[in-house]
Amino acid sequence: MKTNTILLALVSMVFSVTIAKADMTIVSWGGAYTKSQTLAYHEPYTAKTGIKIINDDSAAEAVAKLRAMNEAGNVTWDVVDVVGSDAIRLCDEGLALEIDHDNQLAAAPDGTPASEDFGDLIVADCFVPQIVYSTTFGFRTDVDQWGGKEPDDICDVFDLNAFPGKRSLEKRPINNMEWALLCSGVAKADVYDVLETEEGQSMAFAKLDEIKDSVIWWSAGADTPQLLADGEVVMGSTYNGRLFSLIVEQNQPVKMMWDAQVYDLDGWIIPTGLSPERQQAALDYLYFATDTQRLADQAKYISYGPARASSAPLVGKHAELGIEMGPHMPTAPDNAKNIFVYNFTWWADYRDDLDAKWNAWLAK
C-alpha cells in the first residue's frame, strides 16, 4: 500500500511538471500592443515559470471563434484579450470563466482588494481589466492638397472638400456609427438613444455613405499605422497606442487628432471548456500579469493607461526613449478635452444586430 502511494505521488508530480511546462496560447491584437504585453508580461512570466507563450493575433474575431471552438468542443486558446463589450457577451453566453477578483487576483501593494483597485472597470464577472485606451485618428502632416490646414475636429473626417484623400476606418460599426451621428448633429448625450432606432441607424449609414468610396477598411490595429506610413491614406482611425508608436518611436510625419476620441476598455478572459490543469495555468498567468507593477510596466512601452488605480502613480518614462509617458495617455488633460465614452452594455446588447446591418451596408 505504501509503495502504491509513493508511485501515485511520483506520477502526480511528473504530470504536474508536464502541465506546468506546457505552452500557453494567449490571444491579443498584434503589433505594438502585443509587443508591449510580451515585454511587460510574457517574457517575465516565461522567465519565472518556463512556460512558453504562443501569441495569436485573432482578438478581433474572439467572439466568433470562441463560439465555434465551444460548439466543436475544442478550445485551443488559454487566455484571450478582449474589449469590455465582448467580455460582457462572452460572459453572458457562458463562454468565459467567472473570476473571483479578490481571491484569484493579486491585491494592491497596500492590501486594497483587486475588486476595489479595478473598481467600475470590472464590467463583467468574467473580465479582468488591463488598460484604458482610446480609438482616435492619425493624419499625415505632409498633404499638399490641404493647403497647410490640419484636421482638428472629428467631422473633418467626413469633409472630403477641405481634406481630400483616402481614409481608413475599422471594418465594424463600433465608433464609426457614433462619429457619424455626432457629425449629423446628434448631441453627444443622445447618441445611443438615437442609435437604438431605425431612423438613427439610417442617419449614421447615410453620413458614412458620404465617404464610403474614399475608405480603406481595416481589421487589425496595425493596419492604419502601416497605411499612414506608406501614404496610402491621409487620415485613419486606430488605437492611440499604435499611433504613439508610429509618431514617437518611428518618427513618421503623422499627428494625433484627439477630438471625440472614444474611451474604451480592454482586458482578459479565460475561455470555458479548458481542462482543470490549463484553467489553473491561465489563472496563474492572470494573477502574475495583472498585478499593480505589471500593469504599470506595460505603460513603459505603449501609451495606454493601466486599469488599476494603484498602477497609475507608477507610470513613468518610456523604457527605451526615456520620455515621460503621462502626456501621451488618452486621459492626459490636453488630450481629453472632448472625449466620447463608449457604452459597453449598449454594444453588448445590440452588436449582433448591427453587425448584420453593417455587413449588408458594406456589401452594397
Protein backbone atom coordinates (compact mmCIF):
# COMPACT_ATOMS: atom_id res chain seq x y z
CA MET A 1 0.00 0.00 0.00
CA LYS A 2 2.82 2.36 0.93
CA THR A 3 4.61 1.60 -2.37
CA ASN A 4 1.45 2.34 -4.37
CA THR A 5 1.02 5.65 -2.55
CA ILE A 6 4.61 6.67 -3.36
CA LEU A 7 4.16 5.66 -7.02
CA LEU A 8 0.94 7.66 -7.30
CA ALA A 9 2.66 10.67 -5.76
CA LEU A 10 5.53 10.40 -8.23
CA VAL A 11 3.15 10.08 -11.20
CA SER A 12 1.22 13.10 -9.95
CA MET A 13 4.43 15.08 -9.59
CA VAL A 14 5.59 14.23 -13.13
CA PHE A 15 2.13 15.07 -14.51
CA SER A 16 2.12 18.44 -12.71
CA VAL A 17 5.56 19.33 -14.03
CA THR A 18 4.44 18.43 -17.56
CA ILE A 19 1.38 20.66 -17.27
CA ALA A 20 3.39 23.47 -15.71
CA LYS A 21 5.81 23.48 -18.63
CA ALA A 22 3.14 23.26 -21.34
CA ASP A 23 2.89 26.05 -23.89
CA MET A 24 0.17 28.64 -23.36
CA THR A 25 -1.68 30.32 -26.24
CA ILE A 26 -2.55 33.93 -25.49
CA VAL A 27 -4.74 35.81 -27.94
CA SER A 28 -4.32 39.54 -28.45
CA TRP A 29 -4.26 42.26 -31.12
CA GLY A 30 -0.73 42.05 -32.57
CA GLY A 31 1.67 44.86 -33.47
CA ALA A 32 2.92 47.35 -30.89
CA TYR A 33 0.25 46.23 -28.41
CA THR A 34 1.29 42.57 -28.31
CA LYS A 35 4.90 43.71 -28.16
CA SER A 36 4.12 45.74 -25.03
CA GLN A 37 2.45 42.69 -23.46
CA THR A 38 5.37 40.47 -24.42
CA LEU A 39 7.86 42.79 -22.75
CA ALA A 40 5.78 43.55 -19.66
CA TYR A 41 4.07 40.20 -19.05
CA HIS A 42 5.00 37.28 -21.28
CA GLU A 43 8.80 37.33 -21.09
CA PRO A 44 8.91 37.85 -17.30
CA TYR A 45 6.32 35.10 -16.84
CA THR A 46 8.29 32.69 -19.03
CA ALA A 47 11.46 33.54 -17.11
CA LYS A 48 9.66 32.76 -13.84
CA THR A 49 7.83 29.57 -14.88
CA GLY A 50 9.49 28.20 -18.00
CA ILE A 51 6.12 28.26 -19.78
CA LYS A 52 6.40 29.34 -23.41
CA ILE A 53 3.81 31.89 -24.56
CA ILE A 54 2.43 31.48 -28.08
CA ASN A 55 0.95 34.73 -29.39
CA ASP A 56 -2.18 34.63 -31.54
CA ASP A 57 -3.35 37.92 -33.09
CA SER A 58 -7.01 36.92 -33.57
CA ALA A 59 -8.58 39.09 -30.83
CA ALA A 60 -10.74 40.99 -33.33
CA GLU A 61 -12.53 37.69 -34.08
CA ALA A 62 -12.58 36.42 -30.50
CA VAL A 63 -16.34 36.15 -30.05
CA ALA A 64 -16.99 34.27 -33.31
CA LYS A 65 -14.01 31.96 -32.88
CA LEU A 66 -14.78 31.12 -29.25
CA ARG A 67 -18.38 30.34 -30.21
CA ALA A 68 -17.11 27.96 -32.89
CA MET A 69 -14.50 26.34 -30.61
CA ASN A 70 -17.09 25.82 -27.89
CA GLU A 71 -19.52 24.24 -30.34
CA ALA A 72 -16.79 21.93 -31.62
CA GLY A 73 -15.70 21.07 -28.08
CA ASN A 74 -12.12 22.03 -28.88
CA VAL A 75 -10.95 25.23 -27.17
CA THR A 76 -7.34 25.86 -28.20
CA TRP A 77 -6.88 29.29 -26.57
CA ASP A 78 -5.86 29.71 -22.91
CA VAL A 79 -6.17 33.46 -22.27
CA VAL A 80 -7.88 35.99 -24.55
CA ASP A 81 -7.58 39.78 -24.70
CA VAL A 82 -10.97 41.36 -25.48
CA VAL A 83 -12.72 44.72 -25.28
CA GLY A 84 -15.22 45.28 -22.50
CA SER A 85 -18.38 44.82 -24.58
CA ASP A 86 -17.14 41.50 -26.00
CA ALA A 87 -16.32 40.33 -22.48
CA ILE A 88 -19.94 41.00 -21.48
CA ARG A 89 -21.20 38.96 -24.44
CA LEU A 90 -18.84 36.07 -23.78
CA CYS A 91 -19.75 36.08 -20.11
CA ASP A 92 -23.49 36.15 -20.85
CA GLU A 93 -23.11 33.24 -23.28
CA GLY A 94 -21.15 31.12 -20.81
CA LEU A 95 -18.03 31.18 -22.97
CA ALA A 96 -15.80 32.89 -20.39
CA LEU A 97 -14.86 31.72 -16.92
CA GLU A 98 -16.23 33.68 -13.96
CA ILE A 99 -13.39 35.24 -11.97
CA ASP A 100 -13.31 35.76 -8.21
CA HIS A 101 -11.34 39.00 -8.45
CA ASP A 102 -10.42 39.27 -4.79
CA ASN A 103 -9.37 35.65 -4.30
CA GLN A 104 -7.87 34.87 -7.71
CA LEU A 105 -6.04 38.14 -8.42
CA ALA A 106 -3.33 39.98 -6.53
CA ALA A 107 -4.28 42.72 -4.08
CA ALA A 108 -2.71 46.17 -4.41
CA PRO A 109 0.59 46.70 -2.55
CA ASP A 110 -1.29 48.40 0.32
CA GLY A 111 -3.67 45.47 0.64
CA THR A 112 -6.58 47.00 -1.28
CA PRO A 113 -8.59 44.10 -2.78
CA ALA A 114 -8.40 43.76 -6.56
CA SER A 115 -12.12 44.46 -6.96
CA GLU A 116 -11.66 47.89 -5.34
CA ASP A 117 -8.40 48.58 -7.18
CA PHE A 118 -10.05 47.95 -10.57
CA GLY A 119 -13.35 49.47 -9.43
CA ASP A 120 -16.00 50.17 -12.07
CA LEU A 121 -13.72 48.90 -14.84
CA ILE A 122 -14.82 45.37 -13.95
CA VAL A 123 -17.72 45.41 -16.42
CA ALA A 124 -18.37 41.65 -16.25
CA ASP A 125 -17.74 38.89 -13.73
CA CYS A 126 -15.60 37.09 -16.31
CA PHE A 127 -13.41 40.10 -17.15
CA VAL A 128 -10.07 41.26 -15.76
CA PRO A 129 -9.40 44.85 -16.90
CA GLN A 130 -5.96 45.61 -18.28
CA ILE A 131 -5.84 49.02 -19.97
CA VAL A 132 -7.86 52.11 -20.74
CA TYR A 133 -7.27 53.21 -24.32
CA SER A 134 -8.93 55.27 -26.98
CA THR A 135 -9.71 54.93 -30.64
CA THR A 136 -8.83 58.14 -32.42
CA PHE A 137 -7.44 59.46 -35.69
CA GLY A 138 -3.97 59.98 -37.03
CA PHE A 139 -3.28 62.14 -40.06
CA ARG A 140 -0.30 62.84 -42.27
CA THR A 141 1.28 66.27 -41.91
CA ASP A 142 2.59 66.49 -45.48
CA VAL A 143 -0.61 66.53 -47.58
CA ASP A 144 -0.16 69.23 -50.22
CA GLN A 145 -3.86 69.41 -51.12
CA TRP A 146 -4.76 70.60 -47.62
CA GLY A 147 -3.01 73.94 -48.09
CA GLY A 148 -1.32 73.89 -44.70
CA LYS A 149 -4.51 73.08 -42.75
CA GLU A 150 -4.69 70.23 -40.28
CA PRO A 151 -7.83 68.35 -39.20
CA ASP A 152 -8.72 69.06 -35.59
CA ASP A 153 -12.41 68.18 -35.45
CA ILE A 154 -13.92 64.71 -35.79
CA CYS A 155 -16.21 65.98 -38.54
CA ASP A 156 -13.16 66.81 -40.66
CA VAL A 157 -13.06 63.06 -41.32
CA PHE A 158 -16.30 63.47 -43.29
CA ASP A 159 -15.17 66.63 -45.13
CA LEU A 160 -13.67 65.49 -48.43
CA ASN A 161 -13.61 69.03 -49.81
CA ALA A 162 -11.41 70.57 -47.11
CA PHE A 163 -9.41 67.37 -46.51
CA PRO A 164 -9.38 65.25 -49.68
CA GLY A 165 -7.76 61.84 -49.72
CA LYS A 166 -8.26 58.26 -48.61
CA ARG A 167 -9.28 57.45 -45.05
CA SER A 168 -9.02 54.20 -43.12
CA LEU A 169 -11.85 53.14 -40.83
CA GLU A 170 -12.33 49.97 -38.85
CA LYS A 171 -14.45 47.34 -40.56
CA ARG A 172 -17.11 47.24 -37.85
CA PRO A 173 -19.94 49.52 -36.73
CA ILE A 174 -18.48 50.40 -33.33
CA ASN A 175 -17.17 54.00 -33.17
CA ASN A 176 -17.97 54.65 -36.82
CA MET A 177 -21.70 54.84 -36.08
CA GLU A 178 -21.15 57.12 -33.09
CA TRP A 179 -18.90 59.52 -35.03
CA ALA A 180 -21.35 59.56 -37.93
CA LEU A 181 -24.21 60.59 -35.63
CA LEU A 182 -22.11 63.27 -33.92
CA CYS A 183 -21.34 64.73 -37.34
CA SER A 184 -25.02 64.53 -38.29
CA GLY A 185 -25.82 66.93 -35.46
CA VAL A 186 -26.80 64.48 -32.71
CA ALA A 187 -25.79 65.64 -29.22
CA LYS A 188 -23.18 63.50 -27.51
CA ALA A 189 -25.55 62.60 -24.65
CA ASP A 190 -28.21 61.39 -27.11
CA VAL A 191 -26.07 59.25 -29.41
CA TYR A 192 -27.01 55.83 -28.04
CA ASP A 193 -30.70 56.67 -27.68
CA VAL A 194 -30.73 57.72 -31.35
CA LEU A 195 -28.65 54.75 -32.45
CA GLU A 196 -31.23 52.43 -30.91
CA THR A 197 -33.78 53.50 -33.54
CA GLU A 198 -34.07 52.50 -37.19
CA GLU A 199 -34.05 56.21 -38.10
CA GLY A 200 -30.86 56.79 -36.15
CA GLN A 201 -29.12 53.86 -37.78
CA SER A 202 -30.20 55.07 -41.22
CA MET A 203 -28.86 58.54 -40.37
CA ALA A 204 -25.47 57.09 -39.39
CA PHE A 205 -25.21 54.98 -42.55
CA ALA A 206 -26.19 57.98 -44.69
CA LYS A 207 -23.37 60.01 -43.17
CA LEU A 208 -20.89 57.20 -43.75
CA ASP A 209 -22.13 56.94 -47.35
CA GLU A 210 -20.60 60.40 -47.92
CA ILE A 211 -17.07 58.99 -47.55
CA LYS A 212 -17.56 55.28 -48.23
CA ASP A 213 -15.85 55.39 -51.64
CA SER A 214 -12.79 57.02 -50.04
CA VAL A 215 -12.37 54.47 -47.26
CA ILE A 216 -9.93 51.60 -46.87
CA TRP A 217 -11.33 49.28 -44.21
CA TRP A 218 -9.07 47.81 -41.55
CA SER A 219 -9.41 44.81 -39.23
CA ALA A 220 -6.11 44.75 -37.32
CA GLY A 221 -4.84 47.58 -35.15
CA ALA A 222 -1.55 47.62 -37.03
CA ASP A 223 -3.26 48.33 -40.38
CA THR A 224 -3.83 52.10 -40.11
CA PRO A 225 -0.29 52.89 -38.90
CA GLN A 226 1.07 50.97 -41.89
CA LEU A 227 -1.34 52.67 -44.31
CA LEU A 228 -0.36 56.09 -42.93
CA ALA A 229 3.35 55.30 -43.06
CA ASP A 230 3.03 54.11 -46.66
CA GLY A 231 0.98 57.18 -47.66
CA GLU A 232 -1.94 55.04 -48.80
CA VAL A 233 -4.30 57.05 -46.58
CA VAL A 234 -4.13 60.66 -45.37
CA MET A 235 -6.03 60.00 -42.14
CA GLY A 236 -7.28 56.96 -40.33
CA SER A 237 -8.68 55.62 -37.08
CA THR A 238 -6.84 53.24 -34.81
CA TYR A 239 -5.83 52.82 -31.17
CA ASN A 240 -3.94 55.70 -29.62
CA GLY A 241 -1.03 53.45 -28.59
CA ARG A 242 -0.49 52.35 -32.19
CA LEU A 243 -0.30 55.99 -33.28
CA PHE A 244 2.10 56.74 -30.42
CA SER A 245 4.40 54.05 -31.77
CA LEU A 246 4.15 55.41 -35.32
CA ILE A 247 4.74 59.05 -34.33
CA VAL A 248 7.17 58.87 -31.41
CA GLU A 249 9.05 55.62 -31.94
CA GLN A 250 9.09 55.54 -35.76
CA ASN A 251 9.21 59.32 -36.27
CA GLN A 252 6.71 59.29 -39.14
CA PRO A 253 5.17 62.57 -40.44
CA VAL A 254 1.92 61.91 -38.60
CA LYS A 255 -0.01 63.67 -35.85
CA MET A 256 -2.77 62.58 -33.49
CA MET A 257 -6.24 64.12 -33.63
CA TRP A 258 -7.74 63.67 -30.18
CA ASP A 259 -11.17 65.24 -30.84
CA ALA A 260 -14.01 62.83 -29.96
CA GLN A 261 -11.55 60.09 -29.09
CA VAL A 262 -13.58 57.11 -27.89
CA TYR A 263 -12.56 55.80 -24.49
CA ASP A 264 -12.67 52.05 -24.28
CA LEU A 265 -11.53 49.26 -22.04
CA ASP A 266 -9.52 46.17 -22.76
CA GLY A 267 -8.69 43.14 -20.64
CA TRP A 268 -8.50 39.40 -20.24
CA ILE A 269 -10.93 36.48 -20.19
CA ILE A 270 -10.27 32.78 -19.75
CA PRO A 271 -12.38 30.59 -22.06
CA THR A 272 -14.62 27.95 -20.56
CA GLY A 273 -14.02 24.38 -21.71
CA LEU A 274 -10.36 24.15 -20.65
CA SER A 275 -9.05 21.18 -18.71
CA PRO A 276 -8.60 21.84 -14.98
CA GLU A 277 -4.83 21.98 -15.48
CA ARG A 278 -5.00 24.52 -18.32
CA GLN A 279 -7.56 26.59 -16.44
CA GLN A 280 -5.32 26.74 -13.38
CA ALA A 281 -2.32 27.69 -15.52
CA ALA A 282 -4.34 30.50 -17.12
CA LEU A 283 -5.39 31.78 -13.69
CA ASP A 284 -1.79 31.69 -12.56
CA TYR A 285 -0.80 33.80 -15.57
CA LEU A 286 -3.56 36.34 -14.86
CA TYR A 287 -2.50 36.63 -11.22
CA PHE A 288 1.01 37.48 -12.37
CA ALA A 289 0.18 39.69 -15.37
CA THR A 290 -2.46 41.87 -13.72
CA ASP A 291 -0.75 42.85 -10.50
CA THR A 292 0.00 46.51 -9.81
CA GLN A 293 3.58 46.54 -11.06
CA ARG A 294 2.97 44.55 -14.25
CA LEU A 295 0.16 46.83 -15.40
CA ALA A 296 2.37 49.86 -14.75
CA ASP A 297 5.20 48.15 -16.64
CA GLN A 298 3.12 47.89 -19.81
CA ALA A 299 2.85 51.69 -19.88
CA LYS A 300 6.63 51.82 -20.34
CA TYR A 301 6.14 50.50 -23.85
CA ILE A 302 2.80 51.87 -25.07
CA SER A 303 0.62 54.85 -24.18
CA TYR A 304 -2.33 53.09 -22.58
CA GLY A 305 -3.47 53.83 -19.04
CA PRO A 306 -3.26 50.88 -16.62
CA ALA A 307 -6.61 49.71 -15.29
CA ARG A 308 -5.60 49.50 -11.62
CA ALA A 309 -5.76 52.69 -9.54
CA SER A 310 -2.60 51.57 -7.71
CA SER A 311 -0.68 51.29 -11.01
CA ALA A 312 -1.22 54.88 -12.17
CA PRO A 313 1.33 56.51 -9.79
CA LEU A 314 3.97 54.04 -11.02
CA VAL A 315 3.70 55.11 -14.68
CA GLY A 316 6.93 56.85 -15.55
CA LYS A 317 9.17 57.05 -18.59
CA HIS A 318 9.28 55.08 -21.80
CA ALA A 319 11.65 52.15 -21.30
CA GLU A 320 13.73 52.93 -24.40
CA LEU A 321 13.13 56.60 -25.28
CA GLY A 322 13.26 58.00 -21.76
CA ILE A 323 10.30 60.34 -22.34
CA GLU A 324 7.53 60.82 -19.77
CA MET A 325 4.55 58.72 -20.79
CA GLY A 326 1.89 60.69 -18.88
CA PRO A 327 1.34 63.39 -21.57
CA HIS A 328 0.82 60.69 -24.22
CA MET A 329 -2.01 58.95 -22.38
CA PRO A 330 -5.58 59.45 -23.66
CA THR A 331 -6.50 60.60 -20.16
CA ALA A 332 -3.98 63.50 -20.16
CA PRO A 333 -5.89 66.81 -19.72
CA ASP A 334 -4.74 68.29 -23.04
CA ASN A 335 -5.87 65.16 -24.88
CA ALA A 336 -9.17 64.68 -23.07
CA LYS A 337 -10.86 68.00 -23.82
CA ASN A 338 -13.60 66.40 -25.92
CA ILE A 339 -13.93 62.69 -25.28
CA PHE A 340 -16.68 60.24 -26.16
CA VAL A 341 -17.25 57.45 -23.65
CA TYR A 342 -18.04 54.10 -25.19
CA ASN A 343 -21.15 52.34 -23.87
CA PHE A 344 -20.10 48.75 -23.17
CA THR A 345 -23.50 47.39 -22.19
CA TRP A 346 -25.31 49.01 -25.14
CA TRP A 347 -22.99 47.38 -27.65
CA ALA A 348 -23.18 44.05 -25.85
CA ASP A 349 -26.95 44.15 -26.39
CA TYR A 350 -27.00 45.46 -29.98
CA ARG A 351 -23.73 44.25 -31.53
CA ASP A 352 -25.01 41.14 -33.32
CA ASP A 353 -27.93 43.03 -34.90
CA LEU A 354 -25.79 45.98 -36.01
CA ASP A 355 -23.03 43.71 -37.27
CA ALA A 356 -25.55 42.14 -39.66
CA LYS A 357 -26.77 45.54 -40.86
CA TRP A 358 -23.19 46.81 -41.16
CA ASN A 359 -22.11 43.86 -43.31
CA ALA A 360 -25.14 44.33 -45.55
CA TRP A 361 -24.29 48.03 -45.94
CA LEU A 362 -20.65 47.25 -46.75
CA ALA A 363 -21.75 44.83 -49.45
CA LYS A 364 -23.84 47.45 -51.30
